């Protein structure tokens, strides 16, 4: 049964993508465990479609200890070798090693700031940035905030944290609301953020 809701056109055509769009994308996230999940997934997405990652999400959850940063930070060479052989995830060695490295740095930031949420949300002044998106041409891929986040994360030693990846992360966790102006989620999330 069709629901006739106006949605961002990028999610149309796949039920998994529509569910992600309707329930997760752009919803503000302050939970460190969930932020770590997106940190890992966005790094693996580099150069691939987000739908590819969504289809493998549960495999990633199993492979990366339920996205438990403390456990991932302790992954040793043997565990990394196992992950490289895991056909259920993206078997890119540099991305796998980056995930372990980034887990360690994630924990350092949690110690320094009290939470990872406090750190990442500081780049937007602890507010959601609302963009007006009328067509694909209006959709940014970076911003001054994602540039600043990327620079700081790279300085700290994070891998796969360029400005484009940081911006995609910011969109996913609701630091930026880039739903199309005509999308039913734009209004819902705008009202929620007030």
N, C-alpha and C. Protein backbone atom coordinates (compact mmCIF):
# COMPACT_ATOMS: atom_id res chain seq x y z
N UNK A 1 0.83 -1.19 0.00
CA UNK A 1 0.00 0.00 0.00
C UNK A 1 0.88 1.26 0.00
N UNK A 2 0.59 2.15 -0.91
CA UNK A 2 1.38 3.37 -1.03
C UNK A 2 0.92 4.41 -0.03
N UNK A 3 1.87 5.17 0.55
CA UNK A 3 1.49 6.13 1.59
C UNK A 3 1.41 7.58 1.08
N UNK A 4 1.87 7.86 -0.13
CA UNK A 4 1.76 9.17 -0.77
C UNK A 4 2.45 10.30 -0.01
N UNK A 5 3.45 10.00 0.80
CA UNK A 5 4.21 11.05 1.50
C UNK A 5 5.28 11.60 0.56
N UNK A 6 5.48 12.93 0.63
CA UNK A 6 6.58 13.52 -0.11
C UNK A 6 7.88 13.23 0.63
N UNK A 7 8.85 12.68 -0.07
CA UNK A 7 10.14 12.35 0.52
C UNK A 7 11.27 12.93 -0.32
N UNK A 8 12.46 12.97 0.28
CA UNK A 8 13.66 13.32 -0.48
C UNK A 8 13.82 12.28 -1.59
N UNK A 9 14.05 12.71 -2.82
CA UNK A 9 14.10 11.76 -3.93
C UNK A 9 15.22 10.73 -3.85
N UNK A 10 16.30 11.04 -3.12
CA UNK A 10 17.43 10.10 -3.07
C UNK A 10 17.09 8.77 -2.41
N UNK A 11 16.05 8.74 -1.58
CA UNK A 11 15.74 7.50 -0.86
C UNK A 11 14.75 6.61 -1.59
N UNK A 12 14.13 7.11 -2.64
CA UNK A 12 13.06 6.36 -3.30
C UNK A 12 13.61 5.16 -4.06
N UNK A 13 12.83 4.11 -4.11
CA UNK A 13 13.23 2.94 -4.90
C UNK A 13 13.68 1.75 -4.08
N UNK A 14 13.92 1.93 -2.79
CA UNK A 14 14.31 0.80 -1.96
C UNK A 14 13.67 0.93 -0.58
N UNK A 15 12.93 -0.09 -0.13
CA UNK A 15 12.24 -0.01 1.16
C UNK A 15 13.18 0.24 2.34
N UNK A 16 14.39 -0.33 2.30
CA UNK A 16 15.37 -0.13 3.38
C UNK A 16 15.81 1.33 3.44
N UNK A 17 16.04 1.91 2.27
CA UNK A 17 16.43 3.31 2.18
C UNK A 17 15.31 4.23 2.68
N UNK A 18 14.07 3.91 2.30
CA UNK A 18 12.92 4.71 2.73
C UNK A 18 12.78 4.64 4.25
N UNK A 19 12.92 3.46 4.82
CA UNK A 19 12.81 3.30 6.28
C UNK A 19 13.89 4.12 6.99
N UNK A 20 15.13 4.05 6.48
CA UNK A 20 16.23 4.83 7.05
C UNK A 20 15.91 6.33 6.97
N UNK A 21 15.47 6.77 5.80
CA UNK A 21 15.12 8.18 5.60
C UNK A 21 14.02 8.63 6.57
N UNK A 22 12.99 7.82 6.69
CA UNK A 22 11.81 8.19 7.48
C UNK A 22 12.07 8.15 8.99
N UNK A 23 12.96 7.27 9.43
CA UNK A 23 13.12 7.05 10.87
C UNK A 23 14.44 7.55 11.46
N UNK A 24 15.49 7.66 10.64
CA UNK A 24 16.80 7.97 11.21
C UNK A 24 17.49 9.21 10.65
N UNK A 25 17.52 9.35 9.33
CA UNK A 25 18.35 10.38 8.72
C UNK A 25 17.92 11.77 9.16
N UNK A 26 18.85 12.50 9.75
CA UNK A 26 18.58 13.86 10.16
C UNK A 26 17.99 14.00 11.55
N UNK A 27 17.75 12.87 12.23
CA UNK A 27 17.24 12.94 13.60
C UNK A 27 18.42 13.21 14.53
N UNK A 28 18.36 14.26 15.35
CA UNK A 28 19.49 14.57 16.24
C UNK A 28 19.83 13.40 17.18
N UNK A 29 21.12 13.04 17.16
CA UNK A 29 21.64 11.94 17.98
C UNK A 29 22.62 12.51 19.01
N UNK A 30 22.37 12.19 20.28
CA UNK A 30 23.26 12.62 21.36
C UNK A 30 23.84 11.44 22.13
N UNK A 31 23.44 10.25 21.75
CA UNK A 31 23.90 9.03 22.40
C UNK A 31 25.25 8.60 21.82
N UNK A 32 26.27 8.49 22.67
CA UNK A 32 27.62 8.17 22.19
C UNK A 32 27.69 6.83 21.47
N UNK A 33 26.95 5.86 21.94
CA UNK A 33 26.97 4.54 21.30
C UNK A 33 26.48 4.64 19.84
N UNK A 34 25.40 5.38 19.64
CA UNK A 34 24.85 5.56 18.29
C UNK A 34 25.78 6.44 17.44
N UNK A 35 26.38 7.44 18.05
CA UNK A 35 27.33 8.28 17.31
C UNK A 35 28.53 7.46 16.85
N UNK A 36 28.98 6.53 17.70
CA UNK A 36 30.11 5.67 17.30
C UNK A 36 29.71 4.79 16.13
N UNK A 37 28.49 4.27 16.15
CA UNK A 37 28.01 3.46 15.02
C UNK A 37 28.10 4.25 13.72
N UNK A 38 27.60 5.48 13.72
CA UNK A 38 27.65 6.29 12.51
C UNK A 38 29.08 6.68 12.13
N UNK A 39 29.93 6.89 13.12
CA UNK A 39 31.34 7.19 12.85
C UNK A 39 31.97 6.04 12.05
N UNK A 40 31.70 4.81 12.49
CA UNK A 40 32.23 3.62 11.81
C UNK A 40 31.61 3.47 10.42
N UNK A 41 30.29 3.51 10.35
CA UNK A 41 29.61 3.26 9.08
C UNK A 41 29.94 4.30 8.03
N UNK A 42 30.00 5.58 8.42
CA UNK A 42 30.32 6.63 7.45
C UNK A 42 31.73 6.46 6.89
N UNK A 43 32.66 5.98 7.71
CA UNK A 43 34.02 5.75 7.22
C UNK A 43 34.04 4.64 6.17
N UNK A 44 33.27 3.59 6.40
CA UNK A 44 33.21 2.49 5.42
C UNK A 44 32.48 2.90 4.16
N UNK A 45 31.60 3.88 4.26
CA UNK A 45 30.82 4.31 3.11
C UNK A 45 31.66 5.06 2.08
N UNK A 46 32.79 5.61 2.48
CA UNK A 46 33.62 6.42 1.57
C UNK A 46 33.82 5.69 0.23
N UNK A 47 33.37 6.33 -0.84
CA UNK A 47 33.52 5.79 -2.18
C UNK A 47 32.43 4.81 -2.57
N UNK A 48 31.49 4.54 -1.68
CA UNK A 48 30.40 3.59 -1.94
C UNK A 48 29.06 4.29 -1.71
N UNK A 49 27.99 3.61 -2.03
CA UNK A 49 26.67 4.17 -1.76
C UNK A 49 26.27 3.87 -0.32
N UNK A 50 25.46 4.75 0.25
CA UNK A 50 24.99 4.54 1.62
C UNK A 50 24.08 3.31 1.68
N UNK A 51 23.36 3.04 0.59
CA UNK A 51 22.49 1.87 0.55
C UNK A 51 23.31 0.58 0.70
N UNK A 52 24.48 0.54 0.12
CA UNK A 52 25.37 -0.62 0.27
C UNK A 52 25.68 -0.84 1.75
N UNK A 53 25.95 0.23 2.47
CA UNK A 53 26.27 0.14 3.90
C UNK A 53 25.03 -0.30 4.68
N UNK A 54 23.87 0.29 4.37
CA UNK A 54 22.65 -0.09 5.08
C UNK A 54 22.35 -1.58 4.93
N UNK A 55 22.58 -2.12 3.75
CA UNK A 55 22.32 -3.55 3.52
C UNK A 55 23.25 -4.44 4.33
N UNK A 56 24.43 -3.92 4.68
CA UNK A 56 25.40 -4.69 5.46
C UNK A 56 25.45 -4.27 6.93
N UNK A 57 24.56 -3.39 7.33
CA UNK A 57 24.61 -2.79 8.66
C UNK A 57 24.61 -3.82 9.78
N UNK A 58 23.75 -4.81 9.70
CA UNK A 58 23.69 -5.82 10.77
C UNK A 58 24.96 -6.66 10.79
N UNK A 59 25.55 -6.90 9.62
CA UNK A 59 26.83 -7.61 9.57
C UNK A 59 27.93 -6.78 10.23
N UNK A 60 27.91 -5.47 9.99
CA UNK A 60 28.87 -4.58 10.65
C UNK A 60 28.66 -4.60 12.17
N UNK A 61 27.39 -4.60 12.58
CA UNK A 61 27.09 -4.61 14.02
C UNK A 61 27.71 -5.85 14.68
N UNK A 62 27.56 -7.01 14.04
CA UNK A 62 28.14 -8.25 14.59
C UNK A 62 29.66 -8.20 14.55
N UNK A 63 30.20 -7.77 13.43
CA UNK A 63 31.66 -7.76 13.25
C UNK A 63 32.35 -6.78 14.19
N UNK A 64 31.68 -5.65 14.49
CA UNK A 64 32.29 -4.61 15.32
C UNK A 64 31.66 -4.56 16.71
N UNK A 65 31.46 -5.75 17.27
CA UNK A 65 31.10 -5.91 18.70
C UNK A 65 29.91 -5.05 19.12
N UNK A 66 28.88 -5.03 18.26
CA UNK A 66 27.71 -4.24 18.59
C UNK A 66 27.99 -2.75 18.64
N UNK A 67 29.03 -2.33 17.93
CA UNK A 67 29.49 -0.93 17.93
C UNK A 67 29.85 -0.46 19.34
N UNK A 68 30.48 -1.34 20.07
CA UNK A 68 30.99 -1.02 21.41
C UNK A 68 32.41 -0.49 21.24
N UNK A 69 32.59 0.81 21.41
CA UNK A 69 33.89 1.45 21.16
C UNK A 69 35.00 0.86 22.01
N UNK A 70 34.71 0.52 23.26
CA UNK A 70 35.74 -0.03 24.15
C UNK A 70 36.23 -1.38 23.64
N UNK A 71 35.32 -2.19 23.13
CA UNK A 71 35.72 -3.49 22.60
C UNK A 71 36.46 -3.36 21.27
N UNK A 72 35.96 -2.47 20.40
CA UNK A 72 36.61 -2.28 19.09
C UNK A 72 38.03 -1.73 19.29
N UNK A 73 38.21 -0.84 20.25
CA UNK A 73 39.53 -0.26 20.51
C UNK A 73 40.56 -1.32 20.90
N UNK A 74 40.09 -2.46 21.39
CA UNK A 74 40.99 -3.54 21.81
C UNK A 74 41.22 -4.60 20.73
N UNK A 75 40.64 -4.41 19.55
CA UNK A 75 40.84 -5.38 18.47
C UNK A 75 42.34 -5.48 18.16
N UNK A 76 42.83 -6.72 18.12
CA UNK A 76 44.24 -6.95 17.84
C UNK A 76 44.43 -7.38 16.38
N UNK A 77 45.66 -7.69 16.05
CA UNK A 77 45.99 -8.05 14.66
C UNK A 77 45.20 -9.29 14.20
N UNK A 78 45.05 -10.26 15.08
CA UNK A 78 44.29 -11.46 14.73
C UNK A 78 42.83 -11.12 14.40
N UNK A 79 42.24 -10.25 15.20
CA UNK A 79 40.85 -9.84 14.95
C UNK A 79 40.76 -9.04 13.66
N UNK A 80 41.71 -8.19 13.40
CA UNK A 80 41.72 -7.40 12.15
C UNK A 80 41.80 -8.34 10.95
N UNK A 81 42.63 -9.37 11.04
CA UNK A 81 42.76 -10.36 9.95
C UNK A 81 41.43 -11.10 9.73
N UNK A 82 40.74 -11.41 10.82
CA UNK A 82 39.42 -12.06 10.70
C UNK A 82 38.43 -11.14 9.98
N UNK A 83 38.46 -9.86 10.32
CA UNK A 83 37.54 -8.92 9.68
C UNK A 83 37.84 -8.77 8.19
N UNK A 84 39.10 -8.82 7.83
CA UNK A 84 39.48 -8.71 6.42
C UNK A 84 38.89 -9.88 5.62
N UNK A 85 38.68 -11.01 6.28
CA UNK A 85 38.11 -12.21 5.62
C UNK A 85 36.58 -12.26 5.71
N UNK A 86 35.97 -11.33 6.44
CA UNK A 86 34.52 -11.35 6.67
C UNK A 86 33.78 -10.83 5.44
N UNK A 87 33.11 -11.72 4.72
CA UNK A 87 32.42 -11.35 3.49
C UNK A 87 31.15 -10.54 3.72
N UNK A 88 30.70 -10.46 4.97
CA UNK A 88 29.48 -9.72 5.27
C UNK A 88 29.67 -8.22 5.39
N UNK A 89 30.94 -7.78 5.45
CA UNK A 89 31.22 -6.34 5.58
C UNK A 89 32.04 -5.88 4.37
N UNK A 90 32.44 -4.63 4.38
CA UNK A 90 33.36 -4.11 3.35
C UNK A 90 34.76 -4.53 3.78
N UNK A 91 35.39 -5.38 3.00
CA UNK A 91 36.68 -5.98 3.41
C UNK A 91 37.86 -5.12 2.95
N UNK A 92 37.84 -3.89 3.33
CA UNK A 92 38.90 -2.96 2.98
C UNK A 92 39.82 -2.83 4.20
N UNK A 93 41.04 -3.31 4.06
CA UNK A 93 41.95 -3.35 5.22
C UNK A 93 42.20 -1.99 5.83
N UNK A 94 42.39 -0.97 5.00
CA UNK A 94 42.69 0.35 5.56
C UNK A 94 41.48 0.91 6.32
N UNK A 95 40.27 0.63 5.85
CA UNK A 95 39.07 1.08 6.55
C UNK A 95 38.88 0.31 7.86
N UNK A 96 39.19 -0.96 7.85
CA UNK A 96 39.09 -1.77 9.08
C UNK A 96 40.09 -1.27 10.12
N UNK A 97 41.31 -1.04 9.68
CA UNK A 97 42.34 -0.52 10.61
C UNK A 97 41.95 0.87 11.11
N UNK A 98 41.36 1.68 10.22
CA UNK A 98 40.91 3.02 10.61
C UNK A 98 39.83 2.92 11.69
N UNK A 99 38.94 1.95 11.57
CA UNK A 99 37.85 1.79 12.56
C UNK A 99 38.42 1.52 13.95
N UNK A 100 39.44 0.68 14.02
CA UNK A 100 40.07 0.36 15.31
C UNK A 100 40.80 1.59 15.85
N UNK A 101 41.55 2.24 14.99
CA UNK A 101 42.24 3.48 15.36
C UNK A 101 41.25 4.53 15.85
N UNK A 102 40.17 4.71 15.09
CA UNK A 102 39.18 5.74 15.43
C UNK A 102 38.44 5.41 16.72
N UNK A 103 38.26 4.13 17.01
CA UNK A 103 37.63 3.74 18.29
C UNK A 103 38.49 4.20 19.46
N UNK A 104 39.79 4.05 19.35
CA UNK A 104 40.70 4.47 20.42
C UNK A 104 40.64 5.99 20.61
N UNK A 105 40.61 6.71 19.50
CA UNK A 105 40.55 8.18 19.57
C UNK A 105 39.18 8.66 20.05
N UNK A 106 38.13 7.94 19.66
CA UNK A 106 36.78 8.23 20.14
C UNK A 106 36.75 8.19 21.68
N UNK A 107 37.37 7.17 22.25
CA UNK A 107 37.40 7.03 23.72
C UNK A 107 38.21 8.16 24.37
N UNK A 108 39.28 8.57 23.71
CA UNK A 108 40.07 9.70 24.23
C UNK A 108 39.23 10.97 24.27
N UNK A 109 38.45 11.20 23.21
CA UNK A 109 37.59 12.38 23.16
C UNK A 109 36.51 12.31 24.24
N UNK A 110 35.96 11.12 24.45
CA UNK A 110 34.96 10.95 25.52
C UNK A 110 35.56 11.33 26.87
N UNK A 111 36.81 10.93 27.10
CA UNK A 111 37.48 11.30 28.35
C UNK A 111 37.71 12.81 28.45
N UNK A 112 38.11 13.39 27.32
CA UNK A 112 38.45 14.82 27.31
C UNK A 112 37.21 15.71 27.44
N UNK A 113 36.13 15.36 26.75
CA UNK A 113 34.94 16.21 26.69
C UNK A 113 33.79 15.73 27.58
N UNK A 114 33.93 14.56 28.15
CA UNK A 114 32.83 13.99 28.93
C UNK A 114 31.91 13.13 28.09
N UNK A 115 31.85 13.40 26.79
CA UNK A 115 31.09 12.58 25.84
C UNK A 115 31.53 12.97 24.42
N UNK A 116 31.34 12.03 23.50
CA UNK A 116 31.63 12.32 22.10
C UNK A 116 30.60 13.31 21.56
N UNK A 117 29.36 13.20 22.06
CA UNK A 117 28.30 14.11 21.64
C UNK A 117 28.68 15.57 21.92
N UNK A 118 29.23 15.80 23.10
CA UNK A 118 29.64 17.16 23.47
C UNK A 118 30.67 17.68 22.47
N UNK A 119 31.58 16.82 22.09
CA UNK A 119 32.63 17.21 21.13
C UNK A 119 32.04 17.53 19.76
N UNK A 120 31.31 16.57 19.15
CA UNK A 120 30.87 16.80 17.77
C UNK A 120 29.84 17.92 17.67
N UNK A 121 28.92 17.99 18.63
CA UNK A 121 27.90 19.03 18.55
C UNK A 121 28.48 20.42 18.78
N UNK A 122 29.67 20.51 19.35
CA UNK A 122 30.29 21.83 19.54
C UNK A 122 30.58 22.51 18.19
N UNK A 123 30.73 21.71 17.13
CA UNK A 123 31.04 22.28 15.82
C UNK A 123 29.84 23.03 15.21
N UNK A 124 28.64 22.77 15.71
CA UNK A 124 27.46 23.49 15.22
C UNK A 124 26.86 24.36 16.32
N UNK A 125 27.62 24.61 17.37
CA UNK A 125 27.09 25.41 18.47
C UNK A 125 25.96 24.72 19.21
N UNK A 126 25.98 23.38 19.16
CA UNK A 126 24.97 22.55 19.83
C UNK A 126 23.56 22.76 19.28
N UNK A 127 23.49 23.13 17.99
CA UNK A 127 22.20 23.32 17.32
C UNK A 127 22.22 22.62 15.97
N UNK A 128 21.04 22.27 15.49
CA UNK A 128 20.91 21.72 14.15
C UNK A 128 20.92 22.86 13.14
N UNK A 129 21.76 22.73 12.13
CA UNK A 129 21.80 23.71 11.03
C UNK A 129 20.69 23.35 10.05
N UNK A 130 19.83 24.31 9.76
CA UNK A 130 18.70 24.08 8.85
C UNK A 130 19.03 24.65 7.48
N UNK A 131 19.13 23.80 6.48
CA UNK A 131 19.38 24.26 5.12
C UNK A 131 18.10 24.19 4.30
N UNK A 132 17.99 25.07 3.33
CA UNK A 132 16.86 25.03 2.40
C UNK A 132 17.30 24.24 1.17
N UNK A 133 16.65 23.09 0.97
CA UNK A 133 16.99 22.22 -0.15
C UNK A 133 15.76 22.09 -1.05
N UNK A 134 15.86 22.67 -2.25
CA UNK A 134 14.76 22.58 -3.20
C UNK A 134 15.04 21.60 -4.32
N UNK A 135 16.33 21.38 -4.59
CA UNK A 135 16.70 20.42 -5.64
C UNK A 135 18.07 19.84 -5.29
N UNK A 136 18.48 18.86 -6.05
CA UNK A 136 19.77 18.21 -5.83
C UNK A 136 20.92 19.23 -5.85
N UNK A 137 20.77 20.28 -6.65
CA UNK A 137 21.82 21.30 -6.77
C UNK A 137 22.04 22.06 -5.46
N UNK A 138 21.02 22.10 -4.61
CA UNK A 138 21.12 22.83 -3.34
C UNK A 138 21.80 22.02 -2.24
N UNK A 139 22.00 20.73 -2.48
CA UNK A 139 22.50 19.84 -1.43
C UNK A 139 24.01 20.02 -1.26
N UNK A 140 24.45 20.56 -0.11
CA UNK A 140 25.89 20.72 0.12
C UNK A 140 26.56 19.35 0.34
N UNK A 141 27.84 19.30 0.11
CA UNK A 141 28.61 18.09 0.43
C UNK A 141 29.64 18.38 1.53
N UNK A 142 29.87 19.68 1.77
CA UNK A 142 30.75 20.12 2.87
C UNK A 142 30.19 21.44 3.40
N UNK A 143 30.75 21.88 4.51
CA UNK A 143 30.38 23.18 5.08
C UNK A 143 31.57 23.67 5.90
N UNK A 144 31.49 24.89 6.35
CA UNK A 144 32.55 25.42 7.22
C UNK A 144 32.66 24.55 8.47
N UNK A 145 31.52 24.08 8.97
CA UNK A 145 31.52 23.24 10.18
C UNK A 145 32.14 21.87 9.93
N UNK A 146 31.83 21.27 8.78
CA UNK A 146 32.44 19.96 8.49
C UNK A 146 33.93 20.11 8.20
N UNK A 147 34.32 21.25 7.60
CA UNK A 147 35.75 21.52 7.39
C UNK A 147 36.47 21.59 8.74
N UNK A 148 35.87 22.30 9.69
CA UNK A 148 36.49 22.46 11.01
C UNK A 148 36.56 21.11 11.74
N UNK A 149 35.48 20.34 11.67
CA UNK A 149 35.46 19.02 12.30
C UNK A 149 36.53 18.12 11.70
N UNK A 150 36.61 18.11 10.39
CA UNK A 150 37.60 17.29 9.69
C UNK A 150 39.02 17.67 10.09
N UNK A 151 39.31 18.96 10.07
CA UNK A 151 40.65 19.42 10.44
C UNK A 151 41.01 18.96 11.85
N UNK A 152 40.08 19.12 12.79
CA UNK A 152 40.36 18.76 14.17
C UNK A 152 40.52 17.25 14.33
N UNK A 153 39.67 16.49 13.67
CA UNK A 153 39.75 15.03 13.80
C UNK A 153 41.04 14.49 13.17
N UNK A 154 41.40 15.03 12.03
CA UNK A 154 42.65 14.60 11.38
C UNK A 154 43.85 14.97 12.26
N UNK A 155 43.81 16.16 12.84
CA UNK A 155 44.88 16.58 13.75
C UNK A 155 45.02 15.61 14.93
N UNK A 156 43.91 15.07 15.38
CA UNK A 156 43.92 14.12 16.49
C UNK A 156 44.34 12.71 16.06
N UNK A 157 44.41 12.47 14.74
CA UNK A 157 44.85 11.17 14.26
C UNK A 157 43.77 10.28 13.68
N UNK A 158 42.53 10.80 13.57
CA UNK A 158 41.45 10.02 12.96
C UNK A 158 41.76 9.76 11.48
N UNK A 159 41.28 8.63 10.99
CA UNK A 159 41.42 8.27 9.57
C UNK A 159 40.03 8.29 8.92
N UNK A 160 39.99 8.51 7.61
CA UNK A 160 38.74 8.58 6.85
C UNK A 160 37.79 9.62 7.46
N UNK A 161 38.33 10.80 7.71
CA UNK A 161 37.53 11.86 8.29
C UNK A 161 37.67 13.16 7.50
N UNK A 162 37.66 13.04 6.18
CA UNK A 162 37.67 14.24 5.35
C UNK A 162 36.37 15.02 5.52
N UNK A 163 36.33 16.21 4.98
CA UNK A 163 35.17 17.08 5.17
C UNK A 163 33.89 16.49 4.59
N UNK A 164 33.97 15.79 3.47
CA UNK A 164 32.78 15.18 2.86
C UNK A 164 32.22 14.09 3.78
N UNK A 165 33.10 13.27 4.34
CA UNK A 165 32.65 12.23 5.27
C UNK A 165 32.09 12.86 6.54
N UNK A 166 32.74 13.89 7.04
CA UNK A 166 32.23 14.58 8.24
C UNK A 166 30.85 15.19 7.96
N UNK A 167 30.67 15.75 6.76
CA UNK A 167 29.37 16.35 6.45
C UNK A 167 28.28 15.27 6.37
N UNK A 168 28.59 14.14 5.74
CA UNK A 168 27.62 13.05 5.67
C UNK A 168 27.26 12.55 7.08
N UNK A 169 28.25 12.49 7.95
CA UNK A 169 28.02 12.13 9.35
C UNK A 169 27.08 13.15 10.02
N UNK A 170 27.35 14.42 9.78
CA UNK A 170 26.52 15.49 10.37
C UNK A 170 25.07 15.40 9.88
N UNK A 171 24.89 15.08 8.61
CA UNK A 171 23.53 14.89 8.07
C UNK A 171 22.85 13.71 8.76
N UNK A 172 23.58 12.60 8.87
CA UNK A 172 23.00 11.38 9.43
C UNK A 172 22.55 11.56 10.86
N UNK A 173 23.35 12.27 11.67
CA UNK A 173 23.06 12.38 13.10
C UNK A 173 22.32 13.68 13.47
N UNK A 174 21.77 14.35 12.46
CA UNK A 174 20.90 15.49 12.72
C UNK A 174 21.59 16.78 13.09
N UNK A 175 22.89 16.86 12.91
CA UNK A 175 23.58 18.13 13.14
C UNK A 175 23.23 19.12 12.03
N UNK A 176 22.81 18.56 10.90
CA UNK A 176 22.36 19.33 9.74
C UNK A 176 21.03 18.72 9.30
N UNK A 177 20.05 19.57 9.00
CA UNK A 177 18.80 19.08 8.44
C UNK A 177 18.81 19.42 6.96
N UNK A 178 19.11 18.42 6.14
CA UNK A 178 19.15 18.59 4.69
C UNK A 178 18.02 17.85 3.98
N UNK A 179 16.93 17.60 4.70
CA UNK A 179 15.75 17.07 4.00
C UNK A 179 15.26 18.14 3.03
N UNK A 180 14.75 17.69 1.88
CA UNK A 180 14.20 18.63 0.92
C UNK A 180 13.08 19.43 1.59
N UNK A 181 12.90 20.67 1.17
CA UNK A 181 11.87 21.53 1.74
C UNK A 181 10.48 20.91 1.61
N UNK A 182 10.28 20.11 0.56
CA UNK A 182 8.97 19.49 0.31
C UNK A 182 8.81 18.15 1.04
N UNK A 183 9.85 17.68 1.70
CA UNK A 183 9.83 16.38 2.36
C UNK A 183 9.05 16.45 3.69
N UNK A 184 8.24 15.44 3.94
CA UNK A 184 7.44 15.46 5.18
C UNK A 184 8.31 15.43 6.43
N UNK A 185 9.55 14.91 6.33
CA UNK A 185 10.43 14.84 7.49
C UNK A 185 11.03 16.21 7.83
N UNK A 186 11.16 17.09 6.85
CA UNK A 186 11.72 18.42 7.09
C UNK A 186 10.90 19.14 8.15
N UNK A 187 9.62 19.18 7.95
CA UNK A 187 8.72 19.87 8.89
C UNK A 187 8.71 19.18 10.25
N UNK A 188 8.64 17.86 10.26
CA UNK A 188 8.61 17.11 11.52
C UNK A 188 9.86 17.37 12.35
N UNK A 189 11.02 17.34 11.71
CA UNK A 189 12.28 17.56 12.43
C UNK A 189 12.48 19.02 12.81
N UNK A 190 11.95 19.94 11.99
CA UNK A 190 12.04 21.37 12.30
C UNK A 190 11.23 21.65 13.57
N UNK A 191 10.03 21.09 13.64
CA UNK A 191 9.18 21.29 14.81
C UNK A 191 9.81 20.67 16.05
N UNK A 192 10.45 19.52 15.87
CA UNK A 192 11.08 18.80 16.99
C UNK A 192 12.26 19.59 17.56
N UNK A 193 12.98 20.32 16.69
CA UNK A 193 14.19 21.02 17.13
C UNK A 193 13.88 22.34 17.83
N UNK A 194 12.63 22.79 17.82
CA UNK A 194 12.28 24.07 18.45
C UNK A 194 12.09 23.95 19.94
